[in-house]
C-alpha atoms as a PDB file:
ATOM      1  CA  MET A   1      -0.013   0.001   0.000  1.00  0.00           C
ATOM      2  CA  GLU A   2       1.287   3.495  -0.805  1.00  0.00           C
ATOM      3  CA  THR A   3       2.132   5.377   2.355  1.00  0.00           C
ATOM      4  CA  GLU A   4       3.965   8.538   3.274  1.00  0.00           C
ATOM      5  CA  ALA A   5       4.977   7.039   6.611  1.00  0.00           C
ATOM      6  CA  ARG A   6       4.869   3.583   8.147  1.00  0.00           C
ATOM      7  CA  ASN A   7       4.379   3.232  11.888  1.00  0.00           C
ATOM      8  CA  GLN A   8       5.244  -0.182  13.223  1.00  0.00           C
ATOM      9  CA  THR A   9       4.993  -1.564  16.718  1.00  0.00           C
ATOM     10  CA  ARG A  10       6.299  -4.952  17.660  1.00  0.00           C
ATOM     11  CA  GLY A  11       5.301  -5.432  21.254  1.00  0.00           C
ATOM     12  CA  GLU A  12       7.090  -2.771  23.298  1.00  0.00           C
ATOM     13  CA  SER A  13      10.476  -3.001  21.652  1.00  0.00           C
ATOM     14  CA  GLY A  14      10.224  -2.225  17.952  1.00  0.00           C
ATOM     15  CA  ASP A  15      13.697  -3.737  17.596  1.00  0.00           C
ATOM     16  CA  ALA A  16      15.183  -4.411  14.175  1.00  0.00           C
ATOM     17  CA  VAL A  17      14.786  -7.944  12.914  1.00  0.00           C
ATOM     18  CA  ARG A  18      18.536  -8.393  12.410  1.00  0.00           C
ATOM     19  CA  LYS A  19      21.741  -6.384  12.161  1.00  0.00           C
ATOM     20  CA  THR A  20      22.817  -6.262   8.526  1.00  0.00           C
ATOM     21  CA  PRO A  21      24.465  -3.724   6.240  1.00  0.00           C
ATOM     22  CA  PRO A  22      22.016  -1.068   5.012  1.00  0.00           C
ATOM     23  CA  PRO A  23      20.165  -2.225   1.877  1.00  0.00           C
ATOM     24  CA  LYS A  24      21.111  -0.584  -1.384  1.00  0.00           C
ATOM     25  CA  TRP A  25      18.976   0.472  -4.341  1.00  0.00           C
ATOM     26  CA  GLN A  26      18.869  -2.026  -7.176  1.00  0.00           C
ATOM     27  CA  LEU A  27      16.938  -2.484 -10.402  1.00  0.00           C
ATOM     28  CA  ALA A  28      14.490  -5.391 -10.317  1.00  0.00           C
ATOM     29  CA  ASP A  29      12.757  -6.884 -13.363  1.00  0.00           C
ATOM     30  CA  VAL A  30       8.970  -7.021 -13.448  1.00  0.00           C
ATOM     31  CA  ILE A  31       8.209 -10.645 -14.434  1.00  0.00           C
ATOM     32  CA  ASP A  32       4.451 -10.796 -13.762  1.00  0.00           C
ATOM     33  CA  VAL A  33       1.539  -8.400 -13.355  1.00  0.00           C
ATOM     34  CA  ILE A  34      -1.742  -9.710 -11.900  1.00  0.00           C
ATOM     35  CA  SER A  35      -4.982  -7.781 -11.501  1.00  0.00           C
ATOM     36  CA  GLU A  36      -6.373  -8.725  -8.091  1.00  0.00           C
ATOM     37  CA  THR A  37      -9.285  -6.256  -7.677  1.00  0.00           C
ATOM     38  CA  PRO A  38     -10.427  -3.065  -9.453  1.00  0.00           C
ATOM     39  CA  GLU A  39      -7.884  -1.117  -7.403  1.00  0.00           C
ATOM     40  CA  THR A  40      -5.212  -3.658  -6.455  1.00  0.00           C
ATOM     41  CA  THR A  41      -2.455  -5.238  -8.545  1.00  0.00           C
ATOM     42  CA  THR A  42       0.176  -7.852  -7.747  1.00  0.00           C
ATOM     43  CA  LEU A  43       3.682  -7.203  -9.086  1.00  0.00           C
ATOM     44  CA  ARG A  44       6.274  -9.981  -9.105  1.00  0.00           C
ATOM     45  CA  LEU A  45       9.842  -8.754  -9.325  1.00  0.00           C
ATOM     46  CA  ALA A  46      13.054 -10.700  -9.919  1.00  0.00           C
ATOM     47  CA  VAL A  47      15.653  -9.199  -7.592  1.00  0.00           C
ATOM     48  CA  PRO A  48      19.217  -9.256  -8.987  1.00  0.00           C
ATOM     49  CA  GLU A  49      20.913  -9.262  -5.574  1.00  0.00           C
ATOM     50  CA  PRO A  50      18.319 -10.812  -3.258  1.00  0.00           C
ATOM     51  CA  THR A  51      18.474 -10.501   0.491  1.00  0.00           C
ATOM     52  CA  GLU A  52      16.757 -12.939   2.806  1.00  0.00           C
ATOM     53  CA  PHE A  53      13.684 -11.357   4.410  1.00  0.00           C
ATOM     54  CA  THR A  54      11.181 -12.269   7.103  1.00  0.00           C
ATOM     55  CA  SER A  55       7.432 -12.535   6.535  1.00  0.00           C
ATOM     56  CA  GLY A  56       5.820  -9.156   7.245  1.00  0.00           C
ATOM     57  CA  GLN A  57       8.667  -6.968   5.976  1.00  0.00           C
ATOM     58  CA  TYR A  58       8.559  -4.411   3.176  1.00  0.00           C
ATOM     59  CA  TYR A  59      10.588  -2.827   0.406  1.00  0.00           C
ATOM     60  CA  ASN A  60      10.779   0.780  -0.733  1.00  0.00           C
ATOM     61  CA  ILE A  61      10.056   1.310  -4.424  1.00  0.00           C
ATOM     62  CA  ARG A  62      10.905   4.575  -6.160  1.00  0.00           C
ATOM     63  CA  ILE A  63      10.024   5.914  -9.587  1.00  0.00           C
ATOM     64  CA  PRO A  64      10.579   9.162 -11.495  1.00  0.00           C
ATOM     65  CA  VAL A  65       7.580  11.507 -11.376  1.00  0.00           C
ATOM     66  CA  ASP A  66       6.958  14.318 -13.860  1.00  0.00           C
ATOM     67  CA  GLY A  67       7.592  17.723 -12.312  1.00  0.00           C
ATOM     68  CA  ARG A  68       9.576  16.345  -9.397  1.00  0.00           C
ATOM     69  CA  PRO A  69      13.347  16.853  -9.259  1.00  0.00           C
ATOM     70  CA  ARG A  70      13.997  13.499  -7.626  1.00  0.00           C
ATOM     71  CA  PRO A  71      12.319  10.069  -7.751  1.00  0.00           C
ATOM     72  CA  ILE A  72       9.476   9.526  -5.289  1.00  0.00           C
ATOM     73  CA  GLN A  73       9.576   6.446  -3.056  1.00  0.00           C
ATOM     74  CA  ARG A  74       6.888   4.540  -1.193  1.00  0.00           C
ATOM     75  CA  ALA A  75       6.875   1.481   1.065  1.00  0.00           C
ATOM     76  CA  TYR A  76       5.161  -1.733  -0.071  1.00  0.00           C
ATOM     77  CA  SER A  77       4.685  -4.878   1.979  1.00  0.00           C
ATOM     78  CA  ILE A  78       5.973  -8.194   0.649  1.00  0.00           C
ATOM     79  CA  ALA A  79       3.256 -10.743  -0.102  1.00  0.00           C
ATOM     80  CA  SER A  80       5.487 -13.659  -1.075  1.00  0.00           C
ATOM     81  CA  SER A  81       7.066 -16.228   1.212  1.00  0.00           C
ATOM     82  CA  PRO A  82      10.811 -15.979   1.988  1.00  0.00           C
ATOM     83  CA  PHE A  83      11.008 -19.746   1.870  1.00  0.00           C
ATOM     84  CA  PRO A  84      12.190 -21.736  -0.043  1.00  0.00           C
ATOM     85  CA  LYS A  85      13.496 -18.935  -2.309  1.00  0.00           C
ATOM     86  CA  TYR A  86      13.530 -15.174  -1.985  1.00  0.00           C
ATOM     87  CA  ASP A  87      14.980 -14.021  -5.328  1.00  0.00           C
ATOM     88  CA  VAL A  88      11.474 -13.288  -6.654  1.00  0.00           C
ATOM     89  CA  VAL A  89       9.506 -10.874  -4.461  1.00  0.00           C
ATOM     90  CA  GLU A  90       5.794 -10.185  -4.768  1.00  0.00           C
ATOM     91  CA  PHE A  91       4.085  -6.924  -3.810  1.00  0.00           C
ATOM     92  CA  GLY A  92       0.402  -6.044  -3.474  1.00  0.00           C
ATOM     93  CA  ILE A  93      -0.137  -2.518  -4.825  1.00  0.00           C
ATOM     94  CA  LYS A  94      -3.377  -0.641  -4.082  1.00  0.00           C
ATOM     95  CA  GLU A  95      -4.030   2.367  -6.293  1.00  0.00           C
ATOM     96  CA  MET A  96      -4.434   5.395  -4.024  1.00  0.00           C
ATOM     97  CA  GLU A  97      -6.538   8.232  -5.400  1.00  0.00           C
ATOM     98  CA  GLY A  98      -4.237  11.192  -5.947  1.00  0.00           C
ATOM     99  CA  GLY A  99      -1.120   9.102  -5.249  1.00  0.00           C
ATOM    100  CA  LEU A 100       2.121   9.812  -7.068  1.00  0.00           C
ATOM    101  CA  VAL A 101       3.505   6.279  -7.151  1.00  0.00           C
ATOM    102  CA  SER A 102       0.716   3.706  -6.687  1.00  0.00           C
ATOM    103  CA  PRO A 103      -1.294   4.629  -9.837  1.00  0.00           C
ATOM    104  CA  VAL A 104       1.842   4.112 -11.937  1.00  0.00           C
ATOM    105  CA  LEU A 105       2.666   0.798 -10.304  1.00  0.00           C
ATOM    106  CA  ALA A 106      -0.894  -0.533 -10.241  1.00  0.00           C
ATOM    107  CA  LYS A 107      -2.074   0.560 -13.688  1.00  0.00           C
ATOM    108  CA  LYS A 108       0.895   1.401 -15.920  1.00  0.00           C
ATOM    109  CA  THR A 109       3.625  -1.078 -15.009  1.00  0.00           C
ATOM    110  CA  GLN A 110       4.158  -3.956 -17.444  1.00  0.00           C
ATOM    111  CA  VAL A 111       6.118  -7.178 -17.657  1.00  0.00           C
ATOM    112  CA  GLY A 112       9.633  -6.298 -18.789  1.00  0.00           C
ATOM    113  CA  ASP A 113       9.767  -3.009 -16.951  1.00  0.00           C
ATOM    114  CA  LYS A 114      12.447  -2.364 -14.350  1.00  0.00           C
ATOM    115  CA  LEU A 115      11.743  -0.890 -10.937  1.00  0.00           C
ATOM    116  CA  GLU A 116      14.188   0.574  -8.452  1.00  0.00           C
ATOM    117  CA  ILE A 117      13.786  -1.099  -5.065  1.00  0.00           C
ATOM    118  CA  ARG A 118      15.541  -1.161  -1.705  1.00  0.00           C
ATOM    119  CA  GLY A 119      14.969  -3.469   1.257  1.00  0.00           C
ATOM    120  CA  PRO A 120      13.930  -5.404   3.146  1.00  0.00           C
ATOM    121  CA  TYR A 121      12.881  -3.344   6.159  1.00  0.00           C
ATOM    122  CA  GLY A 122      10.586  -3.635   9.137  1.00  0.00           C
ATOM    123  CA  ALA A 123      10.018  -5.333  12.476  1.00  0.00           C
ATOM    124  CA  PHE A 124       6.380  -6.314  11.847  1.00  0.00           C
ATOM    125  CA  THR A 125       7.335  -9.942  11.365  1.00  0.00           C
ATOM    126  CA  TRP A 126       6.448 -13.505  12.266  1.00  0.00           C
ATOM    127  CA  THR A 127       8.407 -16.749  12.299  1.00  0.00           C
ATOM    128  CA  GLU A 128       7.591 -20.119  13.813  1.00  0.00           C
ATOM    129  CA  GLU A 129       9.804 -19.380  16.800  1.00  0.00           C
ATOM    130  CA  LEU A 130       7.218 -16.862  17.993  1.00  0.00           C
ATOM    131  CA  GLY A 131       4.529 -19.565  18.051  1.00  0.00           C
ATOM    132  CA  GLY A 132       0.809 -19.017  18.118  1.00  0.00           C
ATOM    133  CA  PRO A 133      -2.123 -19.349  17.743  1.00  0.00           C
ATOM    134  CA  LEU A 134      -2.321 -16.113  15.721  1.00  0.00           C
ATOM    135  CA  LEU A 135      -5.155 -13.661  15.152  1.00  0.00           C
ATOM    136  CA  LEU A 136      -4.422 -11.630  11.993  1.00  0.00           C
ATOM    137  CA  ILE A 137      -6.582  -8.517  11.610  1.00  0.00           C
ATOM    138  CA  SER A 138      -6.505  -6.615   8.331  1.00  0.00           C
ATOM    139  CA  ALA A 139      -8.403  -4.053   6.308  1.00  0.00           C
ATOM    140  CA  GLY A 140      -7.949  -3.712   2.547  1.00  0.00           C
ATOM    141  CA  SER A 141      -4.331  -3.999   1.451  1.00  0.00           C
ATOM    142  CA  GLY A 142      -3.370  -4.556   5.073  1.00  0.00           C
ATOM    143  CA  VAL A 143      -3.756  -8.244   4.190  1.00  0.00           C
ATOM    144  CA  VAL A 144      -0.575  -8.198   2.094  1.00  0.00           C
ATOM    145  CA  PRO A 145       1.981  -8.968   4.854  1.00  0.00           C
ATOM    146  CA  PHE A 146      -0.371 -11.619   6.216  1.00  0.00           C
ATOM    147  CA  MET A 147      -0.286 -13.428   2.894  1.00  0.00           C
ATOM    148  CA  SER A 148       3.486 -13.642   3.299  1.00  0.00           C
ATOM    149  CA  MET A 149       3.022 -15.178   6.735  1.00  0.00           C
ATOM    150  CA  ILE A 150       0.385 -17.677   5.555  1.00  0.00           C
ATOM    151  CA  ARG A 151       2.376 -18.649   2.465  1.00  0.00           C
ATOM    152  CA  TYR A 152       5.504 -19.041   4.576  1.00  0.00           C
ATOM    153  CA  ALA A 153       3.760 -21.325   7.057  1.00  0.00           C
ATOM    154  CA  ARG A 154       2.352 -23.434   4.229  1.00  0.00           C
ATOM    155  CA  ALA A 155       5.726 -23.684   2.460  1.00  0.00           C
ATOM    156  CA  LYS A 156       7.399 -24.891   5.688  1.00  0.00           C
ATOM    157  CA  ASN A 157       4.578 -27.352   6.498  1.00  0.00           C
ATOM    158  CA  LEU A 158       3.910 -25.648   9.784  1.00  0.00           C
ATOM    159  CA  ALA A 159       0.663 -26.201  11.704  1.00  0.00           C
ATOM    160  CA  VAL A 160       0.442 -23.023  13.773  1.00  0.00           C
ATOM    161  CA  PRO A 161      -3.247 -21.997  13.982  1.00  0.00           C
ATOM    162  CA  MET A 162      -3.973 -18.748  12.189  1.00  0.00           C
ATOM    163  CA  HIS A 163      -7.288 -16.922  12.060  1.00  0.00           C
ATOM    164  CA  LEU A 164      -7.467 -14.077   9.495  1.00  0.00           C
ATOM    165  CA  LEU A 165     -10.105 -11.376   9.964  1.00  0.00           C
ATOM    166  CA  PHE A 166     -10.232  -9.510   6.655  1.00  0.00           C
ATOM    167  CA  SER A 167     -12.297  -6.335   6.074  1.00  0.00           C
ATOM    168  CA  SER A 168     -13.077  -5.355   2.478  1.00  0.00           C
ATOM    169  CA  LYS A 169     -15.556  -3.006   0.835  1.00  0.00           C
ATOM    170  CA  SER A 170     -17.303  -5.879  -0.948  1.00  0.00           C
ATOM    171  CA  SER A 171     -16.684  -9.313  -2.434  1.00  0.00           C
ATOM    172  CA  GLU A 172     -15.289  -7.685  -5.589  1.00  0.00           C
ATOM    173  CA  TYR A 173     -12.592  -6.005  -3.516  1.00  0.00           C
ATOM    174  CA  VAL A 174     -11.305  -9.038  -1.628  1.00  0.00           C
ATOM    175  CA  ILE A 175      -7.596  -9.224  -2.422  1.00  0.00           C
ATOM    176  CA  TYR A 176      -6.338 -12.798  -3.028  1.00  0.00           C
ATOM    177  CA  SER A 177      -9.967 -14.000  -2.898  1.00  0.00           C
ATOM    178  CA  ASN A 178      -9.533 -17.253  -4.815  1.00  0.00           C
ATOM    179  CA  GLU A 179      -6.201 -18.122  -3.203  1.00  0.00           C
ATOM    180  CA  LEU A 180      -7.603 -17.572   0.284  1.00  0.00           C
ATOM    181  CA  LYS A 181     -10.505 -19.917  -0.463  1.00  0.00           C
ATOM    182  CA  GLU A 182      -8.113 -22.583  -1.710  1.00  0.00           C
ATOM    183  CA  LEU A 183      -5.758 -22.182   1.230  1.00  0.00           C
ATOM    184  CA  GLU A 184      -8.545 -22.345   3.795  1.00  0.00           C
ATOM    185  CA  ALA A 185      -9.858 -25.529   2.167  1.00  0.00           C
ATOM    186  CA  GLU A 186      -6.377 -27.060   2.113  1.00  0.00           C
ATOM    187  CA  LEU A 187      -4.985 -26.032   5.504  1.00  0.00           C
ATOM    188  CA  GLU A 188      -6.629 -27.249   8.680  1.00  0.00           C
ATOM    189  CA  TRP A 189      -4.832 -24.599  10.699  1.00  0.00           C
ATOM    190  CA  LEU A 190      -6.127 -21.615   8.656  1.00  0.00           C
ATOM    191  CA  THR A 191      -9.490 -19.893   9.196  1.00  0.00           C
ATOM    192  CA  VAL A 192     -10.532 -16.869   7.127  1.00  0.00           C
ATOM    193  CA  THR A 193     -13.368 -14.589   8.291  1.00  0.00           C
ATOM    194  CA  HIS A 194     -14.553 -11.830   5.992  1.00  0.00           C
ATOM    195  CA  THR A 195     -16.425  -8.669   6.835  1.00  0.00           C
ATOM    196  CA  PHE A 196     -17.829  -6.435   4.063  1.00  0.00           C
ATOM    197  CA  THR A 197     -18.551  -2.777   4.761  1.00  0.00           C
ATOM    198  CA  ARG A 198     -20.534  -1.962   1.591  1.00  0.00           C
ATOM    199  CA  GLU A 199     -22.284  -5.191   0.630  1.00  0.00           C
ATOM    200  CA  PRO A 200     -24.966  -6.052   3.191  1.00  0.00           C
ATOM    201  CA  ASP A 201     -25.955  -9.705   3.570  1.00  0.00           C
ATOM    202  CA  HIS A 202     -23.448 -11.111   1.096  1.00  0.00           C
ATOM    203  CA  PRO A 203     -23.076 -14.795   2.047  1.00  0.00           C
ATOM    204  CA  THR A 204     -19.267 -14.864   1.695  1.00  0.00           C
ATOM    205  CA  ALA A 205     -18.911 -12.527   4.688  1.00  0.00           C
ATOM    206  CA  ARG A 206     -19.676 -13.471   8.257  1.00  0.00           C
ATOM    207  CA  TYR A 207     -19.959  -9.811   9.203  1.00  0.00           C
ATOM    208  CA  HIS A 208     -21.212  -6.783   7.287  1.00  0.00           C
ATOM    209  CA  ARG A 209     -19.692  -3.789   9.055  1.00  0.00           C
ATOM    210  CA  ARG A 210     -16.374  -2.225   9.967  1.00  0.00           C
ATOM    211  CA  ILE A 211     -14.155  -4.086  12.384  1.00  0.00           C
ATOM    212  CA  ASP A 212     -15.322  -3.320  15.914  1.00  0.00           C
ATOM    213  CA  LYS A 213     -14.846  -4.357  19.525  1.00  0.00           C
ATOM    214  CA  GLU A 214     -17.489  -7.094  19.487  1.00  0.00           C
ATOM    215  CA  MET A 215     -16.060  -8.656  16.349  1.00  0.00           C
ATOM    216  CA  VAL A 216     -12.518  -8.764  17.703  1.00  0.00           C
ATOM    217  CA  ALA A 217     -13.678 -10.150  21.048  1.00  0.00           C
ATOM    218  CA  GLU A 218     -15.683 -12.895  19.393  1.00  0.00           C
ATOM    219  CA  LEU A 219     -12.855 -14.031  17.122  1.00  0.00           C
ATOM    220  CA  MET A 220     -10.222 -13.804  19.860  1.00  0.00           C
ATOM    221  CA  GLY A 221     -12.304 -16.187  21.914  1.00  0.00           C
ATOM    222  CA  GLU A 222     -12.857 -18.593  19.039  1.00  0.00           C
ATOM    223  CA  SER A 223      -9.237 -18.594  17.907  1.00  0.00           C
ATOM    224  CA  GLY A 224      -7.617 -18.884  21.335  1.00  0.00           C
ATOM    225  CA  ALA A 225      -5.008 -16.486  19.992  1.00  0.00           C
ATOM    226  CA  LYS A 226      -1.864 -15.863  22.002  1.00  0.00           C
ATOM    227  CA  LEU A 227      -0.430 -13.383  19.479  1.00  0.00           C
ATOM    228  CA  ALA A 228      -2.187 -10.769  17.345  1.00  0.00           C
ATOM    229  CA  TYR A 229      -1.033  -8.883  14.238  1.00  0.00           C
ATOM    230  CA  ILE A 230      -2.999  -5.871  13.034  1.00  0.00           C
ATOM    231  CA  CYS A 231      -2.422  -4.063   9.748  1.00  0.00           C
ATOM    232  CA  GLY A 232      -4.419  -1.260   8.160  1.00  0.00           C
ATOM    233  CA  PRO A 233      -5.667   2.284   8.749  1.00  0.00           C
ATOM    234  CA  PRO A 234      -4.578   3.915  12.032  1.00  0.00           C
ATOM    235  CA  GLU A 235      -8.079   4.142  13.574  1.00  0.00           C
ATOM    236  CA  MET A 236      -8.734   0.438  13.017  1.00  0.00           C
ATOM    237  CA  VAL A 237      -5.313  -0.569  14.291  1.00  0.00           C
ATOM    238  CA  GLU A 238      -5.584   1.551  17.431  1.00  0.00           C
ATOM    239  CA  LEU A 239      -9.057   0.242  18.224  1.00  0.00           C
ATOM    240  CA  CYS A 240      -7.911  -3.359  17.945  1.00  0.00           C
ATOM    241  CA  GLU A 241      -4.825  -2.760  20.038  1.00  0.00           C
ATOM    242  CA  VAL A 242      -6.942  -1.430  22.906  1.00  0.00           C
ATOM    243  CA  VAL A 243      -9.560  -4.166  22.604  1.00  0.00           C
ATOM    244  CA  LEU A 244      -7.024  -6.998  22.571  1.00  0.00           C
ATOM    245  CA  VAL A 245      -5.198  -5.719  25.648  1.00  0.00           C
ATOM    246  CA  ASP A 246      -8.483  -5.094  27.449  1.00  0.00           C
ATOM    247  CA  LEU A 247      -9.415  -8.711  26.706  1.00  0.00           C
ATOM    248  CA  GLY A 248      -6.279  -9.908  28.425  1.00  0.00           C
ATOM    249  CA  MET A 249      -3.708 -10.297  25.668  1.00  0.00           C
ATOM    250  CA  ASP A 250      -0.171  -9.422  26.712  1.00  0.00           C
ATOM    251  CA  PRO A 251       0.766  -6.083  25.060  1.00  0.00           C
ATOM    252  CA  GLU A 252       4.113  -7.667  24.163  1.00  0.00           C
ATOM    253  CA  ASN A 253       2.191 -10.059  21.933  1.00  0.00           C
ATOM    254  CA  VAL A 254       0.254  -7.390  20.006  1.00  0.00           C
ATOM    255  CA  TYR A 255       2.081  -6.406  16.787  1.00  0.00           C
ATOM    256  CA  SER A 256       0.808  -3.597  14.619  1.00  0.00           C
ATOM    257  CA  GLU A 257       1.487  -1.699  11.425  1.00  0.00           C
ATOM    258  CA  LYS A 258      -0.399   1.426  10.452  1.00  0.00           C
ATOM    259  CA  TYR A 259      -0.796   2.694   6.905  1.00  0.00           C
ATOM    260  CA  ASP A 260      -1.157   6.465   6.696  1.00  0.00           C
END
């Protein structure tokens, strides 16, 4: 998702995932472009000098913009799994109205193009060492880092219970809709709960409203979650943080990333 700033909280610490040399800018080849929803596109990039990343991290992508003296950069979460290979990296790009970068990436980028990228970054991460069960709470393109976590767990044949609560405008705007259906059918440890904010009574969704206290409380109880990851707009993230702690979850186990 295009964002001017990215605010991450990993428990109380916010520590870096690992100590490595600072990433450098490099030109990656666009090898696939997939239309996910009317406003969201998946870009797959072959990275010439790949760096191992952790599920939940992001890259910066920068492009030249007419009228601007320097390229403009934005942060985009990685959707692909870092295992077994990480030389091809997948990003979910939501076109932001009035954005300088996302409309170009989502609507004008083609296979064969080259994009300047730098990463990975971020402490909003999960590995099997952290355990579970997990409650993953997302709105819109906030689901992108959670796809990396789910794909990673599947690739490693893990069986850590994950419950994804995913808020979308309507069924047409569910990112990774078909893949999520297939994964939920395949993986006993994965549960996907949809809520639609603009499509009342659609049978695909269990809820038909914005994420709220009652919804989070109900799914926390059902999932037995010991850790929670929240990704999306600041108001939604902050609400969920408060609710989860009020329900008894250890603040150290509540991880969040806000998209501004």
